[in-house]
Protein backbone atom coordinates (compact mmCIF):
# COMPACT_ATOMS: atom_id res chain seq x y z
CA MET A 1 -3.15 20.09 -25.32
CA ILE A 2 -1.79 17.61 -27.75
CA PRO A 3 0.78 20.36 -29.51
CA MET A 4 2.12 20.73 -25.84
CA PHE A 5 3.19 16.86 -25.40
CA ASP A 6 6.84 16.08 -25.11
CA LEU A 7 6.22 12.27 -24.93
CA VAL A 8 3.56 9.83 -24.93
CA VAL A 9 4.03 6.54 -23.29
CA PHE A 10 1.85 3.50 -24.77
CA LEU A 11 1.73 0.98 -22.05
CA TRP A 12 0.06 -2.24 -23.62
CA VAL A 13 -0.51 -5.31 -21.36
CA PRO A 14 -1.71 -8.84 -22.86
CA SER A 15 -5.43 -9.10 -22.48
CA HIS A 16 -5.16 -11.90 -20.21
CA THR A 17 -3.01 -10.03 -17.75
CA ARG A 18 -5.06 -6.87 -18.09
CA LEU A 19 -8.12 -8.66 -17.26
CA GLU A 20 -6.93 -10.19 -14.12
CA ARG A 21 -5.62 -7.12 -12.79
CA LEU A 22 -8.81 -5.29 -13.56
CA VAL A 23 -10.83 -8.34 -11.56
CA LYS A 24 -8.40 -7.87 -8.95
CA ARG A 25 -8.87 -4.09 -8.56
CA GLU A 26 -12.48 -4.20 -8.98
CA VAL A 27 -12.57 -6.83 -6.00
CA GLU A 28 -10.30 -4.65 -4.06
CA ARG A 29 -12.47 -2.02 -4.40
CA TYR A 30 -16.10 -3.23 -4.53
CA GLY A 31 -15.48 -6.48 -2.47
CA PRO A 32 -15.84 -10.11 -3.80
CA GLU A 33 -19.36 -9.89 -3.77
CA ILE A 34 -19.41 -8.29 -7.15
CA LEU A 35 -18.54 -11.60 -8.48
CA ASN A 36 -21.80 -13.13 -7.20
CA PRO A 37 -24.45 -13.00 -9.94
CA ALA A 38 -26.96 -12.38 -6.64
CA ASP A 39 -25.17 -9.08 -5.94
CA PRO A 40 -27.03 -6.19 -7.41
CA ARG A 41 -23.61 -4.69 -8.60
CA HIS A 42 -22.54 -7.83 -10.49
CA GLU A 43 -24.42 -6.87 -13.72
CA ALA A 44 -22.38 -3.55 -13.87
CA HIS A 45 -19.17 -5.34 -13.17
CA ARG A 46 -19.83 -7.74 -15.53
CA LYS A 47 -20.73 -5.17 -18.37
CA PHE A 48 -17.33 -3.46 -17.51
CA MET A 49 -15.20 -6.48 -17.82
CA GLU A 50 -17.06 -7.21 -21.25
CA TRP A 51 -16.12 -3.53 -22.46
CA ALA A 52 -12.56 -3.78 -21.17
CA ALA A 53 -12.17 -7.16 -22.77
CA ALA A 54 -12.99 -5.63 -26.35
CA TYR A 55 -10.10 -3.23 -26.38
CA ASP A 56 -7.50 -5.25 -28.47
CA ASP A 57 -10.02 -6.25 -30.81
CA GLY A 58 -12.78 -3.53 -30.66
CA VAL A 59 -13.31 -1.10 -33.37
CA GLY A 60 -15.77 1.97 -33.02
CA SER A 61 -15.65 5.61 -32.45
CA ASN A 62 -17.59 5.01 -29.39
CA MET A 63 -15.32 3.02 -27.60
CA ARG A 64 -11.50 3.11 -26.53
CA CYS A 65 -9.77 0.56 -28.36
CA LYS A 66 -6.28 -0.35 -29.53
CA VAL A 67 -7.20 0.47 -33.17
CA LEU A 68 -8.09 3.89 -32.44
CA HIS A 69 -5.16 4.30 -30.05
CA GLU A 70 -2.42 3.03 -32.63
CA GLU A 71 -4.42 5.52 -35.37
CA TRP A 72 -4.09 8.39 -32.67
CA MET A 73 -0.48 7.84 -32.08
CA THR A 74 0.57 8.03 -35.72
CA HIS A 75 -0.39 11.67 -35.82
CA LEU A 76 1.40 12.75 -32.74
CA PRO A 77 4.09 15.65 -32.96
CA CYS A 78 6.17 14.16 -30.42
CA PRO A 79 8.08 10.97 -29.74
CA VAL A 80 6.12 7.57 -28.63
CA LEU A 81 7.64 5.29 -26.08
CA ARG A 82 5.89 1.83 -26.50
CA LEU A 83 6.14 -0.31 -23.60
CA GLU A 84 4.64 -3.66 -24.50
CA GLY A 85 4.19 -6.91 -22.64
CA ASP A 86 3.81 -8.16 -19.22
CA ARG A 87 6.95 -6.66 -17.67
CA PRO A 88 7.29 -5.63 -14.17
CA THR A 89 6.87 -2.04 -13.23
CA SER A 90 10.05 -1.59 -12.41
CA GLU A 91 11.22 -2.64 -15.96
CA ASN A 92 8.87 -0.25 -17.48
CA MET A 93 10.14 2.66 -15.11
CA ASP A 94 13.63 1.91 -16.15
CA ALA A 95 12.81 2.05 -19.86
CA LEU A 96 10.87 5.44 -19.33
CA LEU A 97 13.72 6.85 -17.37
CA SER A 98 16.49 5.49 -20.14
CA PHE A 99 14.33 6.94 -22.86
CA VAL A 100 14.08 10.48 -21.30
CA ASP A 101 17.73 10.46 -20.10
CA GLU A 102 18.65 9.54 -23.72
CA GLY A 103 16.32 12.47 -25.26
CA SER A 104 17.69 14.90 -22.86
CA ARG A 105 21.48 14.23 -24.02
CA LYS A 106 20.48 14.79 -27.54
CA ARG A 107 19.25 18.18 -27.01
């Protein structure tokens, strides 16, 4: 599939923001009880959050991590648009549309 890519968008959000969003989604999906150590799902939630927290600093072929994603992007045959930071979705979308529009004018 990679040779068919026209563009890769790399979205990176600071760890604290990403983890806050994950907890919020987990609570929305499974209920606030997962935050309670007495809940049978709490341990799975805790392990998931621990795994997610390791993304920025983790290294290893058995996990998704920023280091491996950075390396993977260096070998892509297409442009990579990096959207980094804690920007509103609307700003990221504007940047993406602008990038695509600019690329289509160059063709």
